[in-house]
Amino acid sequence: MGYEMTPSQRLDATFAALADPTRRAILARLSQGDASVTELAQPFNMSQPAISKHLKVLENAGLISRSQDAQRRPRRIEAAPLQEANAWIEEYRKFWERRYDALETLLGQLQAKPPKSKRKRH
């Protein structure tokens, strides 16, 4: 891209790229090592231009990069955007963990209290 993305824009681009199962499968393949467009297209029933569009989305999000290797231009996975997304998710996991801990404490306190006796009014 021709400009620097803000952290929020990077996160938006990462999650938008990850929303598609084909792109997640491409990332899963690239986590095993670099691969060419042809190698990445093999498991999918789609054209090379269609795979190239998916790769462009992943590249624009910074999730993959391409290098020059003689005649090949292998793609490789880039960790930084996934680390940023994981950090964002981790903050919410910690938030909910604290909430569940507080709820567990409250329930423990309620269970420890003796039940109030019910008196009938006359």
C-alpha atoms as a PDB file:
ATOM      1  CA  MET A   1       0.000   0.000   0.000  1.00  0.00           C
ATOM      2  CA  GLY A   2       1.128   3.526  -0.618  1.00  0.00           C
ATOM      3  CA  TYR A   3       0.481   4.790   2.900  1.00  0.00           C
ATOM      4  CA  GLU A   4       1.069   3.723   6.467  1.00  0.00           C
ATOM      5  CA  MET A   5      -1.997   2.222   8.156  1.00  0.00           C
ATOM      6  CA  THR A   6      -3.028   3.152  11.670  1.00  0.00           C
ATOM      7  CA  PRO A   7      -3.183   0.333  14.234  1.00  0.00           C
ATOM      8  CA  SER A   8      -6.973   0.336  13.919  1.00  0.00           C
ATOM      9  CA  GLN A   9      -6.794   0.083  10.123  1.00  0.00           C
ATOM     10  CA  ARG A  10      -4.276  -2.765  10.380  1.00  0.00           C
ATOM     11  CA  LEU A  11      -6.567  -4.626  12.752  1.00  0.00           C
ATOM     12  CA  ASP A  12      -9.559  -4.047  10.441  1.00  0.00           C
ATOM     13  CA  ALA A  13      -7.561  -5.325   7.458  1.00  0.00           C
ATOM     14  CA  THR A  14      -6.360  -8.374   9.401  1.00  0.00           C
ATOM     15  CA  PHE A  15      -9.822  -9.405  10.549  1.00  0.00           C
ATOM     16  CA  ALA A  16     -11.328  -8.729   7.107  1.00  0.00           C
ATOM     17  CA  ALA A  17      -8.649 -10.921   5.510  1.00  0.00           C
ATOM     18  CA  LEU A  18      -9.169 -13.665   8.103  1.00  0.00           C
ATOM     19  CA  ALA A  19     -12.942 -13.638   7.552  1.00  0.00           C
ATOM     20  CA  ASP A  20     -12.581 -15.761   4.423  1.00  0.00           C
ATOM     21  CA  PRO A  21     -11.973 -19.531   4.810  1.00  0.00           C
ATOM     22  CA  THR A  22      -9.849 -19.697   1.640  1.00  0.00           C
ATOM     23  CA  ARG A  23      -7.517 -17.021   2.974  1.00  0.00           C
ATOM     24  CA  ARG A  24      -7.278 -18.801   6.333  1.00  0.00           C
ATOM     25  CA  ALA A  25      -6.395 -22.013   4.482  1.00  0.00           C
ATOM     26  CA  ILE A  26      -3.721 -20.151   2.509  1.00  0.00           C
ATOM     27  CA  LEU A  27      -2.241 -18.848   5.770  1.00  0.00           C
ATOM     28  CA  ALA A  28      -2.342 -22.353   7.236  1.00  0.00           C
ATOM     29  CA  ARG A  29      -0.402 -23.629   4.211  1.00  0.00           C
ATOM     30  CA  LEU A  30       2.120 -20.783   4.439  1.00  0.00           C
ATOM     31  CA  SER A  31       2.668 -21.516   8.131  1.00  0.00           C
ATOM     32  CA  GLN A  32       4.390 -24.696   6.881  1.00  0.00           C
ATOM     33  CA  GLY A  33       6.732 -22.781   4.578  1.00  0.00           C
ATOM     34  CA  ASP A  34       6.932 -20.461   1.593  1.00  0.00           C
ATOM     35  CA  ALA A  35       4.904 -21.358  -1.503  1.00  0.00           C
ATOM     36  CA  SER A  36       4.314 -20.099  -5.030  1.00  0.00           C
ATOM     37  CA  VAL A  37       0.908 -19.016  -6.356  1.00  0.00           C
ATOM     38  CA  THR A  38       0.676 -22.298  -8.276  1.00  0.00           C
ATOM     39  CA  GLU A  39       1.428 -24.304  -5.121  1.00  0.00           C
ATOM     40  CA  LEU A  40      -1.106 -22.289  -3.141  1.00  0.00           C
ATOM     41  CA  ALA A  41      -3.796 -22.748  -5.819  1.00  0.00           C
ATOM     42  CA  GLN A  42      -3.431 -26.570  -5.984  1.00  0.00           C
ATOM     43  CA  PRO A  43      -5.793 -27.543  -3.131  1.00  0.00           C
ATOM     44  CA  PHE A  44      -8.540 -25.155  -4.269  1.00  0.00           C
ATOM     45  CA  ASN A  45     -11.025 -25.569  -7.066  1.00  0.00           C
ATOM     46  CA  MET A  46     -10.482 -22.056  -8.389  1.00  0.00           C
ATOM     47  CA  SER A  47      -8.513 -20.245 -11.016  1.00  0.00           C
ATOM     48  CA  GLN A  48      -5.090 -18.763 -10.482  1.00  0.00           C
ATOM     49  CA  PRO A  49      -6.546 -15.208 -10.878  1.00  0.00           C
ATOM     50  CA  ALA A  50      -9.032 -15.979  -8.086  1.00  0.00           C
ATOM     51  CA  ILE A  51      -6.207 -17.192  -5.824  1.00  0.00           C
ATOM     52  CA  SER A  52      -4.222 -14.080  -6.777  1.00  0.00           C
ATOM     53  CA  LYS A  53      -7.105 -11.899  -5.552  1.00  0.00           C
ATOM     54  CA  HIS A  54      -7.049 -13.693  -2.203  1.00  0.00           C
ATOM     55  CA  LEU A  55      -3.273 -13.255  -2.039  1.00  0.00           C
ATOM     56  CA  LYS A  56      -3.645  -9.528  -2.765  1.00  0.00           C
ATOM     57  CA  VAL A  57      -6.046  -9.162   0.201  1.00  0.00           C
ATOM     58  CA  LEU A  58      -3.581 -11.014   2.435  1.00  0.00           C
ATOM     59  CA  GLU A  59      -0.691  -8.865   1.155  1.00  0.00           C
ATOM     60  CA  ASN A  60      -2.628  -5.620   1.657  1.00  0.00           C
ATOM     61  CA  ALA A  61      -3.327  -6.682   5.244  1.00  0.00           C
ATOM     62  CA  GLY A  62       0.385  -7.376   5.731  1.00  0.00           C
ATOM     63  CA  LEU A  63      -0.316 -11.032   6.524  1.00  0.00           C
ATOM     64  CA  ILE A  64       1.898 -12.306   3.724  1.00  0.00           C
ATOM     65  CA  SER A  65       4.759 -10.978   1.646  1.00  0.00           C
ATOM     66  CA  ARG A  66       6.363 -12.072  -1.588  1.00  0.00           C
ATOM     67  CA  SER A  67      10.020 -12.519  -2.337  1.00  0.00           C
ATOM     68  CA  GLN A  68      12.022 -13.041  -5.500  1.00  0.00           C
ATOM     69  CA  ASP A  69      13.624 -16.459  -5.865  1.00  0.00           C
ATOM     70  CA  ALA A  70      14.985 -16.774  -9.433  1.00  0.00           C
ATOM     71  CA  GLN A  71      11.840 -17.199 -11.549  1.00  0.00           C
ATOM     72  CA  ARG A  72       9.603 -17.901  -8.559  1.00  0.00           C
ATOM     73  CA  ARG A  73       7.926 -15.320  -6.365  1.00  0.00           C
ATOM     74  CA  PRO A  74       7.123 -17.348  -3.276  1.00  0.00           C
ATOM     75  CA  ARG A  75       4.754 -15.990  -0.652  1.00  0.00           C
ATOM     76  CA  ARG A  76       5.560 -16.170   3.029  1.00  0.00           C
ATOM     77  CA  ILE A  77       3.518 -15.571   6.136  1.00  0.00           C
ATOM     78  CA  GLU A  78       4.184 -12.443   8.195  1.00  0.00           C
ATOM     79  CA  ALA A  79       3.673 -12.708  11.948  1.00  0.00           C
ATOM     80  CA  ALA A  80       3.251  -9.076  13.027  1.00  0.00           C
ATOM     81  CA  PRO A  81      -0.414  -8.561  12.022  1.00  0.00           C
ATOM     82  CA  LEU A  82      -1.435 -11.836  13.628  1.00  0.00           C
ATOM     83  CA  GLN A  83       0.439 -10.871  16.788  1.00  0.00           C
ATOM     84  CA  GLU A  84      -1.421  -7.532  16.860  1.00  0.00           C
ATOM     85  CA  ALA A  85      -4.778  -9.290  16.411  1.00  0.00           C
ATOM     86  CA  ASN A  86      -3.887 -11.792  19.122  1.00  0.00           C
ATOM     87  CA  ALA A  87      -2.933  -8.976  21.524  1.00  0.00           C
ATOM     88  CA  TRP A  88      -6.274  -7.276  20.864  1.00  0.00           C
ATOM     89  CA  ILE A  89      -8.185 -10.526  21.482  1.00  0.00           C
ATOM     90  CA  GLU A  90      -6.078 -11.254  24.575  1.00  0.00           C
ATOM     91  CA  GLU A  91      -7.204  -7.993  26.212  1.00  0.00           C
ATOM     92  CA  TYR A  92     -10.844  -9.082  25.887  1.00  0.00           C
ATOM     93  CA  ARG A  93     -10.038 -12.582  27.099  1.00  0.00           C
ATOM     94  CA  LYS A  94      -8.487 -11.084  30.227  1.00  0.00           C
ATOM     95  CA  PHE A  95     -11.521  -8.813  30.691  1.00  0.00           C
ATOM     96  CA  TRP A  96     -13.954 -11.737  30.518  1.00  0.00           C
ATOM     97  CA  GLU A  97     -11.748 -13.885  32.707  1.00  0.00           C
ATOM     98  CA  ARG A  98     -11.874 -11.183  35.417  1.00  0.00           C
ATOM     99  CA  ARG A  99     -15.659 -10.971  35.036  1.00  0.00           C
ATOM    100  CA  TYR A 100     -16.058 -14.745  35.366  1.00  0.00           C
ATOM    101  CA  ASP A 101     -13.752 -14.785  38.399  1.00  0.00           C
ATOM    102  CA  ALA A 102     -15.861 -12.053  40.031  1.00  0.00           C
ATOM    103  CA  LEU A 103     -19.040 -14.000  39.267  1.00  0.00           C
ATOM    104  CA  GLU A 104     -17.516 -17.180  40.693  1.00  0.00           C
ATOM    105  CA  THR A 105     -16.565 -15.298  43.877  1.00  0.00           C
ATOM    106  CA  LEU A 106     -20.069 -13.863  44.197  1.00  0.00           C
ATOM    107  CA  LEU A 107     -21.695 -17.251  43.681  1.00  0.00           C
ATOM    108  CA  GLY A 108     -19.376 -18.760  46.292  1.00  0.00           C
ATOM    109  CA  GLN A 109     -20.381 -16.049  48.774  1.00  0.00           C
ATOM    110  CA  LEU A 110     -24.080 -16.576  48.064  1.00  0.00           C
ATOM    111  CA  GLN A 111     -23.769 -20.322  48.526  1.00  0.00           C
ATOM    112  CA  ALA A 112     -21.887 -19.876  51.816  1.00  0.00           C
ATOM    113  CA  LYS A 113     -24.622 -17.730  53.389  1.00  0.00           C
ATOM    114  CA  PRO A 114     -27.271 -19.614  55.347  1.00  0.00           C
ATOM    115  CA  PRO A 115     -30.710 -19.311  53.756  1.00  0.00           C
ATOM    116  CA  LYS A 116     -33.010 -16.765  55.365  1.00  0.00           C
ATOM    117  CA  SER A 117     -35.918 -18.330  57.159  1.00  0.00           C
ATOM    118  CA  LYS A 118     -39.313 -17.541  55.758  1.00  0.00           C
ATOM    119  CA  ARG A 119     -41.812 -16.451  58.359  1.00  0.00           C
ATOM    120  CA  LYS A 120     -45.491 -16.443  57.689  1.00  0.00           C
ATOM    121  CA  ARG A 121     -47.363 -13.247  58.375  1.00  0.00           C
ATOM    122  CA  HIS A 122     -50.484 -13.469  60.508  1.00  0.00           C
END
